[in-house]
Amino acid sequence: MQKFLSISDLAERYRISKPSVYNYVRTGKLPKGFYIGHSHRWALTELEAFEAELMNNQEINNGR
């Protein structure tokens, strides 16, 4: 079963404030996620893929 994270979960995962989560989403630094009712959620698998892509880009930019 797929796991979905809340804004609080993201804030804790990335050690940032809740307003920063929304700011990062708005500016494209984090995936947009989706709404379940009135709750903003992110699929853990989507975040893990996003993180892997960031790591890959950092390795490329660092000449690895």
PDB file of N, CA and C in Angstrom:
ATOM      1  N   MET A   1       0.844  -1.180   0.000  1.00  0.00           N
ATOM      2  CA  MET A   1       0.000   0.000   0.000  1.00  0.00           C
ATOM      3  C   MET A   1       0.891   1.245   0.000  1.00  0.00           C
ATOM      4  N   GLN A   2       0.514   2.201  -0.807  1.00  0.00           N
ATOM      5  CA  GLN A   2       1.311   3.416  -0.937  1.00  0.00           C
ATOM      6  C   GLN A   2       1.111   4.322   0.270  1.00  0.00           C
ATOM      7  N   LYS A   3       2.184   4.960   0.704  1.00  0.00           N
ATOM      8  CA  LYS A   3       2.133   5.865   1.846  1.00  0.00           C
ATOM      9  C   LYS A   3       2.095   7.307   1.353  1.00  0.00           C
ATOM     10  N   PHE A   4       1.272   8.115   2.008  1.00  0.00           N
ATOM     11  CA  PHE A   4       1.145   9.528   1.671  1.00  0.00           C
ATOM     12  C   PHE A   4       1.570  10.368   2.864  1.00  0.00           C
ATOM     13  N   LEU A   5       2.295  11.429   2.594  1.00  0.00           N
ATOM     14  CA  LEU A   5       2.818  12.295   3.647  1.00  0.00           C
ATOM     15  C   LEU A   5       2.069  13.625   3.681  1.00  0.00           C
ATOM     16  N   SER A   6       1.919  14.153   4.880  1.00  0.00           N
ATOM     17  CA  SER A   6       1.271  15.450   5.080  1.00  0.00           C
ATOM     18  C   SER A   6       2.318  16.565   5.046  1.00  0.00           C
ATOM     19  N   ILE A   7       1.842  17.785   5.117  1.00  0.00           N
ATOM     20  CA  ILE A   7       2.768  18.913   5.156  1.00  0.00           C
ATOM     21  C   ILE A   7       3.658  18.838   6.399  1.00  0.00           C
ATOM     22  N   SER A   8       3.087  18.403   7.515  1.00  0.00           N
ATOM     23  CA  SER A   8       3.891  18.245   8.737  1.00  0.00           C
ATOM     24  C   SER A   8       4.987  17.206   8.539  1.00  0.00           C
ATOM     25  N   ASP A   9       4.637  16.117   7.853  1.00  0.00           N
ATOM     26  CA  ASP A   9       5.625  15.074   7.564  1.00  0.00           C
ATOM     27  C   ASP A   9       6.764  15.626   6.709  1.00  0.00           C
ATOM     28  N   LEU A  10       6.416  16.422   5.684  1.00  0.00           N
ATOM     29  CA  LEU A  10       7.452  16.999   4.821  1.00  0.00           C
ATOM     30  C   LEU A  10       8.327  17.976   5.584  1.00  0.00           C
ATOM     31  N   ALA A  11       7.706  18.807   6.414  1.00  0.00           N
ATOM     32  CA  ALA A  11       8.469  19.771   7.202  1.00  0.00           C
ATOM     33  C   ALA A  11       9.472  19.035   8.096  1.00  0.00           C
ATOM     34  N   GLU A  12       9.032  17.946   8.691  1.00  0.00           N
ATOM     35  CA  GLU A  12       9.931  17.160   9.545  1.00  0.00           C
ATOM     36  C   GLU A  12      11.000  16.451   8.711  1.00  0.00           C
ATOM     37  N   ARG A  13      10.604  15.867   7.582  1.00  0.00           N
ATOM     38  CA  ARG A  13      11.535  15.118   6.719  1.00  0.00           C
ATOM     39  C   ARG A  13      12.672  16.005   6.233  1.00  0.00           C
ATOM     40  N   TYR A  14      12.350  17.239   5.837  1.00  0.00           N
ATOM     41  CA  TYR A  14      13.357  18.141   5.272  1.00  0.00           C
ATOM     42  C   TYR A  14      13.863  19.181   6.275  1.00  0.00           C
ATOM     43  N   ARG A  15      13.375  19.096   7.502  1.00  0.00           N
ATOM     44  CA  ARG A  15      13.793  20.013   8.575  1.00  0.00           C
ATOM     45  C   ARG A  15      13.592  21.478   8.184  1.00  0.00           C
ATOM     46  N   ILE A  16      12.378  21.748   7.696  1.00  0.00           N
ATOM     47  CA  ILE A  16      11.994  23.107   7.329  1.00  0.00           C
ATOM     48  C   ILE A  16      10.623  23.391   7.940  1.00  0.00           C
ATOM     49  N   SER A  17      10.217  24.647   7.924  1.00  0.00           N
ATOM     50  CA  SER A  17       8.913  25.018   8.466  1.00  0.00           C
ATOM     51  C   SER A  17       7.809  24.666   7.479  1.00  0.00           C
ATOM     52  N   LYS A  18       6.582  24.620   7.976  1.00  0.00           N
ATOM     53  CA  LYS A  18       5.437  24.356   7.098  1.00  0.00           C
ATOM     54  C   LYS A  18       5.297  25.431   6.012  1.00  0.00           C
ATOM     55  N   PRO A  19       5.436  26.735   6.363  1.00  0.00           N
ATOM     56  CA  PRO A  19       5.379  27.740   5.295  1.00  0.00           C
ATOM     57  C   PRO A  19       6.473  27.544   4.242  1.00  0.00           C
ATOM     58  N   SER A  20       7.636  27.067   4.670  1.00  0.00           N
ATOM     59  CA  SER A  20       8.716  26.810   3.707  1.00  0.00           C
ATOM     60  C   SER A  20       8.345  25.674   2.759  1.00  0.00           C
ATOM     61  N   VAL A  21       7.633  24.664   3.262  1.00  0.00           N
ATOM     62  CA  VAL A  21       7.182  23.570   2.383  1.00  0.00           C
ATOM     63  C   VAL A  21       6.345  24.155   1.259  1.00  0.00           C
ATOM     64  N   TYR A  22       5.348  24.979   1.611  1.00  0.00           N
ATOM     65  CA  TYR A  22       4.492  25.574   0.586  1.00  0.00           C
ATOM     66  C   TYR A  22       5.282  26.482  -0.351  1.00  0.00           C
ATOM     67  N   ASN A  23       6.231  27.227   0.183  1.00  0.00           N
ATOM     68  CA  ASN A  23       7.073  28.085  -0.654  1.00  0.00           C
ATOM     69  C   ASN A  23       7.898  27.244  -1.629  1.00  0.00           C
ATOM     70  N   TYR A  24       8.473  26.152  -1.153  1.00  0.00           N
ATOM     71  CA  TYR A  24       9.269  25.274  -2.016  1.00  0.00           C
ATOM     72  C   TYR A  24       8.408  24.633  -3.095  1.00  0.00           C
ATOM     73  N   VAL A  25       7.177  24.281  -2.756  1.00  0.00           N
ATOM     74  CA  VAL A  25       6.262  23.720  -3.761  1.00  0.00           C
ATOM     75  C   VAL A  25       5.946  24.787  -4.808  1.00  0.00           C
ATOM     76  N   ARG A  26       5.649  25.988  -4.339  1.00  0.00           N
ATOM     77  CA  ARG A  26       5.295  27.084  -5.258  1.00  0.00           C
ATOM     78  C   ARG A  26       6.434  27.420  -6.210  1.00  0.00           C
ATOM     79  N   THR A  27       7.676  27.331  -5.726  1.00  0.00           N
ATOM     80  CA  THR A  27       8.827  27.691  -6.557  1.00  0.00           C
ATOM     81  C   THR A  27       9.444  26.499  -7.297  1.00  0.00           C
ATOM     82  N   GLY A  28       8.849  25.308  -7.123  1.00  0.00           N
ATOM     83  CA  GLY A  28       9.312  24.133  -7.854  1.00  0.00           C
ATOM     84  C   GLY A  28      10.461  23.385  -7.192  1.00  0.00           C
ATOM     85  N   LYS A  29      10.791  23.735  -5.958  1.00  0.00           N
ATOM     86  CA  LYS A  29      11.866  23.035  -5.252  1.00  0.00           C
ATOM     87  C   LYS A  29      11.388  21.719  -4.643  1.00  0.00           C
ATOM     88  N   LEU A  30      10.077  21.541  -4.554  1.00  0.00           N
ATOM     89  CA  LEU A  30       9.461  20.290  -4.112  1.00  0.00           C
ATOM     90  C   LEU A  30       8.318  19.965  -5.068  1.00  0.00           C
ATOM     91  N   PRO A  31       7.981  18.684  -5.203  1.00  0.00           N
ATOM     92  CA  PRO A  31       6.842  18.311  -6.060  1.00  0.00           C
ATOM     93  C   PRO A  31       5.538  18.935  -5.552  1.00  0.00           C
ATOM     94  N   LYS A  32       4.587  19.112  -6.452  1.00  0.00           N
ATOM     95  CA  LYS A  32       3.327  19.769  -6.113  1.00  0.00           C
ATOM     96  C   LYS A  32       2.443  18.962  -5.174  1.00  0.00           C
ATOM     97  N   GLY A  33       2.492  17.647  -5.260  1.00  0.00           N
ATOM     98  CA  GLY A  33       1.607  16.844  -4.437  1.00  0.00           C
ATOM     99  C   GLY A  33       0.181  16.926  -4.957  1.00  0.00           C
ATOM    100  N   PHE A  34      -0.783  16.606  -4.112  1.00  0.00           N
ATOM    101  CA  PHE A  34      -2.190  16.598  -4.509  1.00  0.00           C
ATOM    102  C   PHE A  34      -3.040  16.739  -3.253  1.00  0.00           C
ATOM    103  N   TYR A  35      -4.337  16.908  -3.450  1.00  0.00           N
ATOM    104  CA  TYR A  35      -5.249  17.053  -2.323  1.00  0.00           C
ATOM    105  C   TYR A  35      -6.127  15.818  -2.193  1.00  0.00           C
ATOM    106  N   ILE A  36      -6.318  15.395  -0.945  1.00  0.00           N
ATOM    107  CA  ILE A  36      -7.320  14.401  -0.598  1.00  0.00           C
ATOM    108  C   ILE A  36      -8.292  15.169   0.291  1.00  0.00           C
ATOM    109  N   GLY A  37      -9.437  15.506  -0.262  1.00  0.00           N
ATOM    110  CA  GLY A  37     -10.349  16.403   0.448  1.00  0.00           C
ATOM    111  C   GLY A  37      -9.683  17.756   0.568  1.00  0.00           C
ATOM    112  N   HIS A  38      -9.545  18.236   1.788  1.00  0.00           N
ATOM    113  CA  HIS A  38      -8.892  19.531   2.026  1.00  0.00           C
ATOM    114  C   HIS A  38      -7.443  19.369   2.476  1.00  0.00           C
ATOM    115  N   SER A  39      -6.947  18.142   2.474  1.00  0.00           N
ATOM    116  CA  SER A  39      -5.598  17.871   2.965  1.00  0.00           C
ATOM    117  C   SER A  39      -4.607  17.718   1.819  1.00  0.00           C
ATOM    118  N   HIS A  40      -3.532  18.482   1.873  1.00  0.00           N
ATOM    119  CA  HIS A  40      -2.460  18.395   0.881  1.00  0.00           C
ATOM    120  C   HIS A  40      -1.600  17.187   1.233  1.00  0.00           C
ATOM    121  N   ARG A  41      -1.331  16.330   0.246  1.00  0.00           N
ATOM    122  CA  ARG A  41      -0.562  15.113   0.480  1.00  0.00           C
ATOM    123  C   ARG A  41       0.461  14.915  -0.622  1.00  0.00           C
ATOM    124  N   TRP A  42       1.515  14.171  -0.279  1.00  0.00           N
ATOM    125  CA  TRP A  42       2.555  13.803  -1.222  1.00  0.00           C
ATOM    126  C   TRP A  42       2.763  12.304  -1.117  1.00  0.00           C
ATOM    127  N   ALA A  43       2.898  11.639  -2.262  1.00  0.00           N
ATOM    128  CA  ALA A  43       3.187  10.211  -2.270  1.00  0.00           C
ATOM    129  C   ALA A  43       4.657  10.015  -1.911  1.00  0.00           C
ATOM    130  N   LEU A  44       4.925   9.129  -0.975  1.00  0.00           N
ATOM    131  CA  LEU A  44       6.293   8.871  -0.559  1.00  0.00           C
ATOM    132  C   LEU A  44       7.141   8.434  -1.749  1.00  0.00           C
ATOM    133  N   THR A  45       6.591   7.607  -2.624  1.00  0.00           N
ATOM    134  CA  THR A  45       7.351   7.150  -3.795  1.00  0.00           C
ATOM    135  C   THR A  45       7.723   8.310  -4.702  1.00  0.00           C
ATOM    136  N   GLU A  46       6.841   9.292  -4.840  1.00  0.00           N
ATOM    137  CA  GLU A  46       7.134  10.471  -5.662  1.00  0.00           C
ATOM    138  C   GLU A  46       8.268  11.295  -5.034  1.00  0.00           C
ATOM    139  N   LEU A  47       8.236  11.439  -3.723  1.00  0.00           N
ATOM    140  CA  LEU A  47       9.298  12.185  -3.040  1.00  0.00           C
ATOM    141  C   LEU A  47      10.630  11.461  -3.132  1.00  0.00           C
ATOM    142  N   GLU A  48      10.609  10.148  -3.000  1.00  0.00           N
ATOM    143  CA  GLU A  48      11.847   9.379  -3.104  1.00  0.00           C
ATOM    144  C   GLU A  48      12.437   9.489  -4.503  1.00  0.00           C
ATOM    145  N   ALA A  49      11.595   9.478  -5.536  1.00  0.00           N
ATOM    146  CA  ALA A  49      12.072   9.646  -6.912  1.00  0.00           C
ATOM    147  C   ALA A  49      12.642  11.055  -7.099  1.00  0.00           C
ATOM    148  N   PHE A  50      11.973  12.044  -6.536  1.00  0.00           N
ATOM    149  CA  PHE A  50      12.428  13.429  -6.599  1.00  0.00           C
ATOM    150  C   PHE A  50      13.798  13.570  -5.929  1.00  0.00           C
ATOM    151  N   GLU A  51      13.947  12.961  -4.752  1.00  0.00           N
ATOM    152  CA  GLU A  51      15.221  13.009  -4.024  1.00  0.00           C
ATOM    153  C   GLU A  51      16.333  12.317  -4.812  1.00  0.00           C
ATOM    154  N   ALA A  52      16.023  11.179  -5.422  1.00  0.00           N
ATOM    155  CA  ALA A  52      17.018  10.453  -6.219  1.00  0.00           C
ATOM    156  C   ALA A  52      17.467  11.296  -7.405  1.00  0.00           C
ATOM    157  N   GLU A  53      16.524  11.984  -8.039  1.00  0.00           N
ATOM    158  CA  GLU A  53      16.865  12.854  -9.172  1.00  0.00           C
ATOM    159  C   GLU A  53      17.758  14.000  -8.716  1.00  0.00           C
ATOM    160  N   LEU A  54      17.463  14.581  -7.551  1.00  0.00           N
ATOM    161  CA  LEU A  54      18.312  15.655  -7.018  1.00  0.00           C
ATOM    162  C   LEU A  54      19.727  15.155  -6.766  1.00  0.00           C
ATOM    163  N   MET A  55      19.830  13.975  -6.179  1.00  0.00           N
ATOM    164  CA  MET A  55      21.149  13.397  -5.900  1.00  0.00           C
ATOM    165  C   MET A  55      21.907  13.137  -7.199  1.00  0.00           C
ATOM    166  N   ASN A  56      21.214  12.629  -8.195  1.00  0.00           N
ATOM    167  CA  ASN A  56      21.835  12.358  -9.497  1.00  0.00           C
ATOM    168  C   ASN A  56      22.318  13.659 -10.128  1.00  0.00           C
ATOM    169  N   ASN A  57      21.509  14.695 -10.070  1.00  0.00           N
ATOM    170  CA  ASN A  57      21.893  15.993 -10.629  1.00  0.00           C
ATOM    171  C   ASN A  57      23.095  16.574  -9.895  1.00  0.00           C
ATOM    172  N   GLN A  58      23.150  16.390  -8.577  1.00  0.00           N
ATOM    173  CA  GLN A  58      24.293  16.893  -7.813  1.00  0.00           C
ATOM    174  C   GLN A  58      25.564  16.156  -8.202  1.00  0.00           C
ATOM    175  N   GLU A  59      25.459  14.842  -8.423  1.00  0.00           N
ATOM    176  CA  GLU A  59      26.641  14.067  -8.838  1.00  0.00           C
ATOM    177  C   GLU A  59      27.119  14.508 -10.210  1.00  0.00           C
ATOM    178  N   ILE A  60      26.192  14.775 -11.113  1.00  0.00           N
ATOM    179  CA  ILE A  60      26.555  15.233 -12.454  1.00  0.00           C
ATOM    180  C   ILE A  60      27.223  16.606 -12.360  1.00  0.00           C
ATOM    181  N   ASN A  61      26.646  17.500 -11.556  1.00  0.00           N
ATOM    182  CA  ASN A  61      27.187  18.849 -11.415  1.00  0.00           C
ATOM    183  C   ASN A  61      28.533  18.867 -10.704  1.00  0.00           C
ATOM    184  N   ASN A  62      28.793  17.852  -9.913  1.00  0.00           N
ATOM    185  CA  ASN A  62      30.063  17.764  -9.193  1.00  0.00           C
ATOM    186  C   ASN A  62      31.110  16.979  -9.989  1.00  0.00           C
ATOM    187  N   GLY A  63      30.780  16.611 -11.221  1.00  0.00           N
ATOM    188  CA  GLY A  63      31.746  15.939 -12.093  1.00  0.00           C
ATOM    189  C   GLY A  63      31.910  14.457 -11.855  1.00  0.00           C
ATOM    190  N   ARG A  64      30.942  13.827 -11.253  1.00  0.00           N
ATOM    191  CA  ARG A  64      31.014  12.383 -11.003  1.00  0.00           C
ATOM    192  C   ARG A  64      30.362  11.613 -12.107  1.00  0.00           C
TER     193      ARG A  64
END
